[in-house]
C-alpha cells in the first residue's frame, strides 16, 4: 500500500502531491515501483495537524480518485478518512477500500455508511477521540489491550454487516516507543489470525527518534522491521517508499 498524501502539512511529504498533476505522477510512481494499493489521504493526522471538515477533505480530493482510476484501472484505491460523508464521496468516485484511523469513533455515521457500501474496511486501534488520539496511554499489556479492542470492534462491525475487515494495530497513535517495539515483536499474536493485518510503520517517530535520525533517514531500519512483521504473518505494508518495501517483500517471498 503506497501512500499518497494530498495534504500541505503531512510530517514528511506535506505539500508535494496536493494538486492533480503531481498526485497523478506520484500515483504512477507508486504503481511502477510495485504498489498494488494507493492510500489517498486529504487530512494529516500527525500531532498538531490542521483539522479539516469532511467538506474540506472532499474539496481537497477533487477529481484525483476518478483520475487515478481512469488512468490506472488496475490500481486499488484506499481512502484514508474518518468521515462518513467523505466515504460516500469516495464510493461514488470509485474507491475500493475504506481506511479509517478512528475505528468509527470520530463520526457516528461512519460504520453504517461503510456497511451500506460493502467496501473492505481497515479497522485501526486508536484512542477514542480526535483530541486524544496522540495522548500516550499506559498499557499493562499492549498486545492484550489491542486485541480486546479488536475483539469488541470486529464484533460490532460483523453485526453491522461489515465482513471484509483488515486490522491495523495503530503504530504512531498514543503508544510509547517501548509498547510499539513490543507490538513489532508480537505481531503474530494480534487477533490470532482471524483477519489480515496491515502494518503502517513507515517514517514513524518511534523508529527514528530513539536513533537520533530524521523520518527520511531510516529506510534500512524500517525494512528490517518490515521483514520481522512479514515473517509473523503481516499481509499489507503501508509505506511511503514502495520500491524499498517491494524489495523486502520479494526477499521474504523468495526465502
C-alpha atoms as a PDB file:
ATOM      1  CA  UNK A   1       0.000   0.000   0.000  1.00  0.00           C
ATOM      2  CA  UNK A   2       1.669   3.187  -1.232  1.00  0.00           C
ATOM      3  CA  UNK A   3       0.830   6.473   0.496  1.00  0.00           C
ATOM      4  CA  UNK A   4      -0.470   9.442  -1.497  1.00  0.00           C
ATOM      5  CA  UNK A   5      -0.883  12.426   0.840  1.00  0.00           C
ATOM      6  CA  UNK A   6      -2.907  15.283  -0.638  1.00  0.00           C
ATOM      7  CA  UNK A   7      -2.020  17.402   2.386  1.00  0.00           C
ATOM      8  CA  UNK A   8       0.055  20.570   2.724  1.00  0.00           C
ATOM      9  CA  UNK A   9       1.092  19.600   6.277  1.00  0.00           C
ATOM     10  CA  UNK A  10       1.901  15.882   6.485  1.00  0.00           C
ATOM     11  CA  UNK A  11       5.009  15.199   8.540  1.00  0.00           C
ATOM     12  CA  UNK A  12       7.341  14.007   5.785  1.00  0.00           C
ATOM     13  CA  UNK A  13       5.845  14.882   2.398  1.00  0.00           C
ATOM     14  CA  UNK A  14       3.332  17.671   3.028  1.00  0.00           C
ATOM     15  CA  UNK A  15       2.598  19.839   0.004  1.00  0.00           C
ATOM     16  CA  UNK A  16       4.343  17.634  -2.539  1.00  0.00           C
ATOM     17  CA  UNK A  17       1.318  15.976  -4.138  1.00  0.00           C
ATOM     18  CA  UNK A  18      -1.654  18.246  -3.403  1.00  0.00           C
ATOM     19  CA  UNK A  19      -2.592  19.071  -6.998  1.00  0.00           C
ATOM     20  CA  UNK A  20      -3.927  16.841  -9.779  1.00  0.00           C
ATOM     21  CA  UNK A  21      -0.754  16.706 -11.868  1.00  0.00           C
ATOM     22  CA  UNK A  22       1.669  15.889  -9.040  1.00  0.00           C
ATOM     23  CA  UNK A  23      -0.822  13.455  -7.445  1.00  0.00           C
ATOM     24  CA  UNK A  24      -1.199  11.533 -10.720  1.00  0.00           C
ATOM     25  CA  UNK A  25       2.575  11.470 -11.239  1.00  0.00           C
ATOM     26  CA  UNK A  26       3.130  10.153  -7.721  1.00  0.00           C
ATOM     27  CA  UNK A  27       0.395   7.525  -8.133  1.00  0.00           C
ATOM     28  CA  UNK A  28       2.127   6.338 -11.313  1.00  0.00           C
ATOM     29  CA  UNK A  29       5.476   6.200  -9.491  1.00  0.00           C
ATOM     30  CA  UNK A  30       3.979   4.168  -6.610  1.00  0.00           C
ATOM     31  CA  UNK A  31       2.398   1.689  -9.034  1.00  0.00           C
ATOM     32  CA  UNK A  32       5.548   1.382 -11.154  1.00  0.00           C
ATOM     33  CA  UNK A  33       7.553   0.647  -8.013  1.00  0.00           C
ATOM     34  CA  UNK A  34       5.227  -2.202  -7.105  1.00  0.00           C
ATOM     35  CA  UNK A  35       2.292  -0.857  -5.080  1.00  0.00           C
ATOM     36  CA  UNK A  36      -0.987  -2.690  -5.566  1.00  0.00           C
ATOM     37  CA  UNK A  37      -2.991  -0.294  -3.344  1.00  0.00           C
ATOM     38  CA  UNK A  38      -2.798   3.509  -3.291  1.00  0.00           C
ATOM     39  CA  UNK A  39      -3.881   5.012   0.021  1.00  0.00           C
ATOM     40  CA  UNK A  40      -5.197   8.538  -0.564  1.00  0.00           C
ATOM     41  CA  UNK A  41      -5.496  10.901   2.378  1.00  0.00           C
ATOM     42  CA  UNK A  42      -6.580  14.544   2.391  1.00  0.00           C
ATOM     43  CA  UNK A  43      -6.089  15.142   6.128  1.00  0.00           C
ATOM     44  CA  UNK A  44      -2.837  14.940   8.060  1.00  0.00           C
ATOM     45  CA  UNK A  45      -3.172  13.068  11.365  1.00  0.00           C
ATOM     46  CA  UNK A  46       0.268  13.932  12.712  1.00  0.00           C
ATOM     47  CA  UNK A  47       0.346  15.666  16.131  1.00  0.00           C
ATOM     48  CA  UNK A  48      -0.845  19.323  15.949  1.00  0.00           C
ATOM     49  CA  UNK A  49      -2.015  18.993  12.345  1.00  0.00           C
ATOM     50  CA  UNK A  50      -4.718  21.282  10.952  1.00  0.00           C
ATOM     51  CA  UNK A  51      -8.169  19.755  11.485  1.00  0.00           C
ATOM     52  CA  UNK A  52     -10.296  19.576   8.343  1.00  0.00           C
ATOM     53  CA  UNK A  53     -14.041  19.125   7.941  1.00  0.00           C
ATOM     54  CA  UNK A  54     -15.405  16.484   5.577  1.00  0.00           C
ATOM     55  CA  UNK A  55     -16.292  19.251   3.095  1.00  0.00           C
ATOM     56  CA  UNK A  56     -12.686  20.458   3.114  1.00  0.00           C
ATOM     57  CA  UNK A  57     -11.413  16.890   2.617  1.00  0.00           C
ATOM     58  CA  UNK A  58     -13.744  16.381  -0.353  1.00  0.00           C
ATOM     59  CA  UNK A  59     -12.713  19.706  -1.894  1.00  0.00           C
ATOM     60  CA  UNK A  60      -9.046  18.783  -1.492  1.00  0.00           C
ATOM     61  CA  UNK A  61      -9.547  15.357  -3.105  1.00  0.00           C
ATOM     62  CA  UNK A  62     -11.497  16.836  -6.021  1.00  0.00           C
ATOM     63  CA  UNK A  63     -11.222  14.593  -9.093  1.00  0.00           C
ATOM     64  CA  UNK A  64      -7.989  12.861  -8.070  1.00  0.00           C
ATOM     65  CA  UNK A  65      -9.588   9.471  -7.242  1.00  0.00           C
ATOM     66  CA  UNK A  66     -11.529   9.269 -10.510  1.00  0.00           C
ATOM     67  CA  UNK A  67      -8.494  10.478 -12.495  1.00  0.00           C
ATOM     68  CA  UNK A  68      -6.299   7.743 -10.996  1.00  0.00           C
ATOM     69  CA  UNK A  69      -8.991   5.092 -11.608  1.00  0.00           C
ATOM     70  CA  UNK A  70      -9.294   6.223 -15.226  1.00  0.00           C
ATOM     71  CA  UNK A  71      -5.539   6.378 -15.818  1.00  0.00           C
ATOM     72  CA  UNK A  72      -4.644   3.226 -13.844  1.00  0.00           C
ATOM     73  CA  UNK A  73      -7.746   0.974 -13.737  1.00  0.00           C
ATOM     74  CA  UNK A  74      -5.766  -1.904 -12.199  1.00  0.00           C
ATOM     75  CA  UNK A  75      -4.943   0.146  -9.091  1.00  0.00           C
ATOM     76  CA  UNK A  76      -6.873  -0.426  -5.892  1.00  0.00           C
ATOM     77  CA  UNK A  77      -7.696   2.863  -4.174  1.00  0.00           C
ATOM     78  CA  UNK A  78      -7.910   3.074  -0.403  1.00  0.00           C
ATOM     79  CA  UNK A  79      -9.398   6.265   1.069  1.00  0.00           C
ATOM     80  CA  UNK A  80      -7.901   7.404   4.371  1.00  0.00           C
ATOM     81  CA  UNK A  81     -10.689   9.266   6.197  1.00  0.00           C
ATOM     82  CA  UNK A  82     -12.728   9.181   9.395  1.00  0.00           C
ATOM     83  CA  UNK A  83     -15.768  10.892   7.862  1.00  0.00           C
ATOM     84  CA  UNK A  84     -18.878   9.116   6.569  1.00  0.00           C
ATOM     85  CA  UNK A  85     -19.561  11.865   4.009  1.00  0.00           C
ATOM     86  CA  UNK A  86     -16.044  11.559   2.591  1.00  0.00           C
ATOM     87  CA  UNK A  87     -16.585   7.798   2.246  1.00  0.00           C
ATOM     88  CA  UNK A  88     -19.843   8.429   0.342  1.00  0.00           C
ATOM     89  CA  UNK A  89     -17.978  10.795  -1.985  1.00  0.00           C
ATOM     90  CA  UNK A  90     -15.119   8.319  -2.414  1.00  0.00           C
ATOM     91  CA  UNK A  91     -17.505   5.470  -3.147  1.00  0.00           C
ATOM     92  CA  UNK A  92     -19.042   7.471  -5.997  1.00  0.00           C
ATOM     93  CA  UNK A  93     -15.543   8.259  -7.305  1.00  0.00           C
ATOM     94  CA  UNK A  94     -14.582   4.561  -7.346  1.00  0.00           C
ATOM     95  CA  UNK A  95     -12.620   3.731  -4.157  1.00  0.00           C
ATOM     96  CA  UNK A  96     -12.029   0.069  -3.280  1.00  0.00           C
ATOM     97  CA  UNK A  97     -11.190   0.219   0.464  1.00  0.00           C
ATOM     98  CA  UNK A  98     -12.048   2.468   3.433  1.00  0.00           C
ATOM     99  CA  UNK A  99      -9.041   3.141   5.685  1.00  0.00           C
ATOM    100  CA  UNK A 100     -10.452   4.673   8.885  1.00  0.00           C
ATOM    101  CA  UNK A 101      -7.950   5.501  11.637  1.00  0.00           C
ATOM    102  CA  UNK A 102     -10.813   6.119  14.066  1.00  0.00           C
ATOM    103  CA  UNK A 103     -12.480   2.711  14.193  1.00  0.00           C
ATOM    104  CA  UNK A 104     -15.764   4.538  13.592  1.00  0.00           C
ATOM    105  CA  UNK A 105     -15.322   6.564  16.798  1.00  0.00           C
ATOM    106  CA  UNK A 106     -14.949  10.082  15.319  1.00  0.00           C
ATOM    107  CA  UNK A 107     -18.160  10.036  13.206  1.00  0.00           C
ATOM    108  CA  UNK A 108     -21.213   8.140  14.443  1.00  0.00           C
ATOM    109  CA  UNK A 109     -22.449   7.596  10.871  1.00  0.00           C
ATOM    110  CA  UNK A 110     -19.188   6.068   9.587  1.00  0.00           C
ATOM    111  CA  UNK A 111     -19.830   2.367  10.183  1.00  0.00           C
ATOM    112  CA  UNK A 112     -23.379   2.466   8.787  1.00  0.00           C
ATOM    113  CA  UNK A 113     -22.090   4.109   5.604  1.00  0.00           C
ATOM    114  CA  UNK A 114     -19.297   1.517   5.274  1.00  0.00           C
ATOM    115  CA  UNK A 115     -21.817  -1.295   5.788  1.00  0.00           C
ATOM    116  CA  UNK A 116     -24.027   0.179   3.087  1.00  0.00           C
ATOM    117  CA  UNK A 117     -21.083   0.491   0.684  1.00  0.00           C
ATOM    118  CA  UNK A 118     -19.951  -3.132   1.301  1.00  0.00           C
ATOM    119  CA  UNK A 119     -16.357  -1.971   0.846  1.00  0.00           C
ATOM    120  CA  UNK A 120     -13.480  -3.620   2.724  1.00  0.00           C
ATOM    121  CA  UNK A 121     -12.718  -1.717   5.937  1.00  0.00           C
ATOM    122  CA  UNK A 122      -9.397  -1.082   7.680  1.00  0.00           C
ATOM    123  CA  UNK A 123     -10.009  -1.022  11.444  1.00  0.00           C
ATOM    124  CA  UNK A 124      -7.241   0.721  13.387  1.00  0.00           C
ATOM    125  CA  UNK A 125      -6.542   0.719  17.114  1.00  0.00           C
ATOM    126  CA  UNK A 126      -6.637   4.268  18.479  1.00  0.00           C
ATOM    127  CA  UNK A 127      -7.747   6.320  21.471  1.00  0.00           C
ATOM    128  CA  UNK A 128     -11.459   7.134  21.383  1.00  0.00           C
ATOM    129  CA  UNK A 129     -11.439  10.775  20.215  1.00  0.00           C
ATOM    130  CA  UNK A 130      -9.654  13.049  17.729  1.00  0.00           C
ATOM    131  CA  UNK A 131      -8.454  15.270  20.584  1.00  0.00           C
ATOM    132  CA  UNK A 132      -6.861  12.364  22.489  1.00  0.00           C
ATOM    133  CA  UNK A 133      -5.582  10.245  19.602  1.00  0.00           C
ATOM    134  CA  UNK A 134      -1.931  11.104  20.287  1.00  0.00           C
ATOM    135  CA  UNK A 135      -2.078  11.037  24.099  1.00  0.00           C
ATOM    136  CA  UNK A 136       0.275   8.339  25.366  1.00  0.00           C
ATOM    137  CA  UNK A 137      -1.629   5.650  27.233  1.00  0.00           C
ATOM    138  CA  UNK A 138      -0.099   3.402  29.874  1.00  0.00           C
ATOM    139  CA  UNK A 139      -0.999  -0.157  28.856  1.00  0.00           C
ATOM    140  CA  UNK A 140      -0.475  -3.043  31.261  1.00  0.00           C
ATOM    141  CA  UNK A 141      -0.106  -5.289  28.194  1.00  0.00           C
ATOM    142  CA  UNK A 142      -0.275  -3.561  24.812  1.00  0.00           C
ATOM    143  CA  UNK A 143      -0.976  -6.724  22.813  1.00  0.00           C
ATOM    144  CA  UNK A 144      -3.788  -7.786  25.133  1.00  0.00           C
ATOM    145  CA  UNK A 145      -5.319  -4.269  25.109  1.00  0.00           C
ATOM    146  CA  UNK A 146      -5.224  -4.006  21.303  1.00  0.00           C
ATOM    147  CA  UNK A 147      -6.714  -7.488  20.952  1.00  0.00           C
ATOM    148  CA  UNK A 148      -9.541  -6.614  23.359  1.00  0.00           C
ATOM    149  CA  UNK A 149     -10.288  -3.556  21.214  1.00  0.00           C
ATOM    150  CA  UNK A 150     -10.162  -5.641  18.011  1.00  0.00           C
ATOM    151  CA  UNK A 151     -12.442  -8.279  19.529  1.00  0.00           C
ATOM    152  CA  UNK A 152     -15.067  -5.723  20.562  1.00  0.00           C
ATOM    153  CA  UNK A 153     -14.896  -3.672  17.357  1.00  0.00           C
ATOM    154  CA  UNK A 154     -14.878  -6.604  14.900  1.00  0.00           C
ATOM    155  CA  UNK A 155     -17.958  -7.977  16.696  1.00  0.00           C
ATOM    156  CA  UNK A 156     -19.632  -4.584  16.173  1.00  0.00           C
ATOM    157  CA  UNK A 157     -18.579  -4.482  12.509  1.00  0.00           C
ATOM    158  CA  UNK A 158     -19.787  -8.008  11.790  1.00  0.00           C
ATOM    159  CA  UNK A 159     -23.158  -7.259  13.389  1.00  0.00           C
ATOM    160  CA  UNK A 160     -23.498  -4.263  11.060  1.00  0.00           C
ATOM    161  CA  UNK A 161     -22.720  -6.465   8.065  1.00  0.00           C
ATOM    162  CA  UNK A 162     -19.111  -5.333   7.534  1.00  0.00           C
ATOM    163  CA  UNK A 163     -17.377  -8.644   6.885  1.00  0.00           C
ATOM    164  CA  UNK A 164     -14.273  -7.727   4.847  1.00  0.00           C
ATOM    165  CA  UNK A 165     -12.111  -6.406   7.686  1.00  0.00           C
ATOM    166  CA  UNK A 166      -8.384  -5.575   7.747  1.00  0.00           C
ATOM    167  CA  UNK A 167      -6.743  -4.852  11.108  1.00  0.00           C
ATOM    168  CA  UNK A 168      -4.194  -2.105  11.805  1.00  0.00           C
ATOM    169  CA  UNK A 169      -2.615  -2.090  15.310  1.00  0.00           C
ATOM    170  CA  UNK A 170      -2.154   1.687  15.095  1.00  0.00           C
ATOM    171  CA  UNK A 171       1.568   2.394  15.189  1.00  0.00           C
ATOM    172  CA  UNK A 172       2.218   6.076  15.902  1.00  0.00           C
ATOM    173  CA  UNK A 173      -1.026   6.722  17.773  1.00  0.00           C
ATOM    174  CA  UNK A 174      -0.977   7.093  21.573  1.00  0.00           C
ATOM    175  CA  UNK A 175       1.645   4.425  22.256  1.00  0.00           C
ATOM    176  CA  UNK A 176       5.114   4.617  23.795  1.00  0.00           C
ATOM    177  CA  UNK A 177       8.252   3.612  21.898  1.00  0.00           C
ATOM    178  CA  UNK A 178       8.566   0.569  24.188  1.00  0.00           C
ATOM    179  CA  UNK A 179       4.991  -0.552  23.539  1.00  0.00           C
ATOM    180  CA  UNK A 180       5.417  -0.161  19.782  1.00  0.00           C
ATOM    181  CA  UNK A 181       8.592  -2.246  19.767  1.00  0.00           C
ATOM    182  CA  UNK A 182       6.741  -4.863  21.830  1.00  0.00           C
ATOM    183  CA  UNK A 183       3.958  -4.801  19.212  1.00  0.00           C
ATOM    184  CA  UNK A 184       6.540  -5.450  16.471  1.00  0.00           C
ATOM    185  CA  UNK A 185       7.792  -8.461  18.439  1.00  0.00           C
ATOM    186  CA  UNK A 186       4.266  -9.808  18.972  1.00  0.00           C
ATOM    187  CA  UNK A 187       2.594  -9.182  15.594  1.00  0.00           C
ATOM    188  CA  UNK A 188       1.828 -12.890  15.258  1.00  0.00           C
ATOM    189  CA  UNK A 189      -0.489 -12.712  18.281  1.00  0.00           C
ATOM    190  CA  UNK A 190      -2.720  -9.885  17.060  1.00  0.00           C
ATOM    191  CA  UNK A 191      -6.269 -11.168  16.635  1.00  0.00           C
ATOM    192  CA  UNK A 192      -4.919 -14.720  16.343  1.00  0.00           C
ATOM    193  CA  UNK A 193      -5.059 -14.599  12.537  1.00  0.00           C
ATOM    194  CA  UNK A 194      -8.806 -14.078  12.165  1.00  0.00           C
ATOM    195  CA  UNK A 195      -8.341 -11.069   9.863  1.00  0.00           C
ATOM    196  CA  UNK A 196      -5.438  -9.854   7.682  1.00  0.00           C
ATOM    197  CA  UNK A 197      -3.033  -7.401   9.330  1.00  0.00           C
ATOM    198  CA  UNK A 198      -1.948  -4.074   7.850  1.00  0.00           C
ATOM    199  CA  UNK A 199       1.249  -2.589   9.306  1.00  0.00           C
ATOM    200  CA  UNK A 200       1.959   1.139   8.979  1.00  0.00           C
ATOM    201  CA  UNK A 201       5.363   1.985  10.447  1.00  0.00           C
ATOM    202  CA  UNK A 202       6.767   3.997   7.538  1.00  0.00           C
ATOM    203  CA  UNK A 203       8.643   7.117   8.720  1.00  0.00           C
ATOM    204  CA  UNK A 204       7.194   6.804  12.228  1.00  0.00           C
ATOM    205  CA  UNK A 205       8.894   8.590  15.113  1.00  0.00           C
ATOM    206  CA  UNK A 206       9.157   5.516  17.346  1.00  0.00           C
ATOM    207  CA  UNK A 207      11.818   4.313  14.888  1.00  0.00           C
ATOM    208  CA  UNK A 208      13.752   7.482  14.110  1.00  0.00           C
ATOM    209  CA  UNK A 209      13.646   9.472  17.377  1.00  0.00           C
ATOM    210  CA  UNK A 210      15.491   6.905  19.549  1.00  0.00           C
ATOM    211  CA  UNK A 211      18.145   6.694  16.802  1.00  0.00           C
ATOM    212  CA  UNK A 212      18.566  10.477  16.633  1.00  0.00           C
ATOM    213  CA  UNK A 213      17.692  10.363  12.924  1.00  0.00           C
ATOM    214  CA  UNK A 214      15.075  12.023  10.693  1.00  0.00           C
ATOM    215  CA  UNK A 215      11.940  10.453   9.218  1.00  0.00           C
ATOM    216  CA  UNK A 216      13.655  10.286   5.808  1.00  0.00           C
ATOM    217  CA  UNK A 217      16.809   8.586   7.071  1.00  0.00           C
ATOM    218  CA  UNK A 218      15.610   5.250   8.483  1.00  0.00           C
ATOM    219  CA  UNK A 219      14.990   3.084   5.437  1.00  0.00           C
ATOM    220  CA  UNK A 220      17.390   0.315   6.473  1.00  0.00           C
ATOM    221  CA  UNK A 221      15.929   0.078   9.987  1.00  0.00           C
ATOM    222  CA  UNK A 222      12.370   0.181   8.630  1.00  0.00           C
ATOM    223  CA  UNK A 223      12.985  -2.644   6.168  1.00  0.00           C
ATOM    224  CA  UNK A 224      14.370  -4.845   8.963  1.00  0.00           C
ATOM    225  CA  UNK A 225      11.169  -4.246  10.919  1.00  0.00           C
ATOM    226  CA  UNK A 226       9.089  -4.882   7.773  1.00  0.00           C
ATOM    227  CA  UNK A 227      10.810  -8.244   7.360  1.00  0.00           C
ATOM    228  CA  UNK A 228      10.135  -9.043  11.018  1.00  0.00           C
ATOM    229  CA  UNK A 229       6.378  -8.390  10.716  1.00  0.00           C
ATOM    230  CA  UNK A 230       6.111 -10.225   7.375  1.00  0.00           C
ATOM    231  CA  UNK A 231       7.651 -13.305   8.987  1.00  0.00           C
ATOM    232  CA  UNK A 232       4.932 -13.087  11.640  1.00  0.00           C
ATOM    233  CA  UNK A 233       2.099 -13.004   9.117  1.00  0.00           C
ATOM    234  CA  UNK A 234       1.515  -9.337   8.241  1.00  0.00           C
ATOM    235  CA  UNK A 235      -0.290  -9.101   4.883  1.00  0.00           C
ATOM    236  CA  UNK A 236      -0.156  -5.400   3.900  1.00  0.00           C
ATOM    237  CA  UNK A 237       2.623  -2.843   4.409  1.00  0.00           C
ATOM    238  CA  UNK A 238       1.511   0.814   4.262  1.00  0.00           C
ATOM    239  CA  UNK A 239       4.584   2.718   3.069  1.00  0.00           C
ATOM    240  CA  UNK A 240       5.964   5.921   1.593  1.00  0.00           C
ATOM    241  CA  UNK A 241       8.970   4.159  -0.006  1.00  0.00           C
ATOM    242  CA  UNK A 242       7.386   1.491  -2.202  1.00  0.00           C
ATOM    243  CA  UNK A 243      10.496   0.367  -4.102  1.00  0.00           C
ATOM    244  CA  UNK A 244      12.365  -0.441  -0.883  1.00  0.00           C
ATOM    245  CA  UNK A 245       9.378  -2.214   0.680  1.00  0.00           C
ATOM    246  CA  UNK A 246       8.855  -4.217  -2.527  1.00  0.00           C
ATOM    247  CA  UNK A 247      12.448  -5.468  -2.308  1.00  0.00           C
ATOM    248  CA  UNK A 248      11.791  -6.597   1.265  1.00  0.00           C
ATOM    249  CA  UNK A 249       8.566  -8.367   0.268  1.00  0.00           C
ATOM    250  CA  UNK A 250      10.288 -10.096  -2.682  1.00  0.00           C
ATOM    251  CA  UNK A 251      13.113 -11.215  -0.405  1.00  0.00           C
ATOM    252  CA  UNK A 252      10.578 -12.545   2.095  1.00  0.00           C
ATOM    253  CA  UNK A 253       8.634 -14.430  -0.608  1.00  0.00           C
ATOM    254  CA  UNK A 254      11.785 -15.927  -2.145  1.00  0.00           C
ATOM    255  CA  UNK A 255      13.195 -17.302   1.097  1.00  0.00           C
END
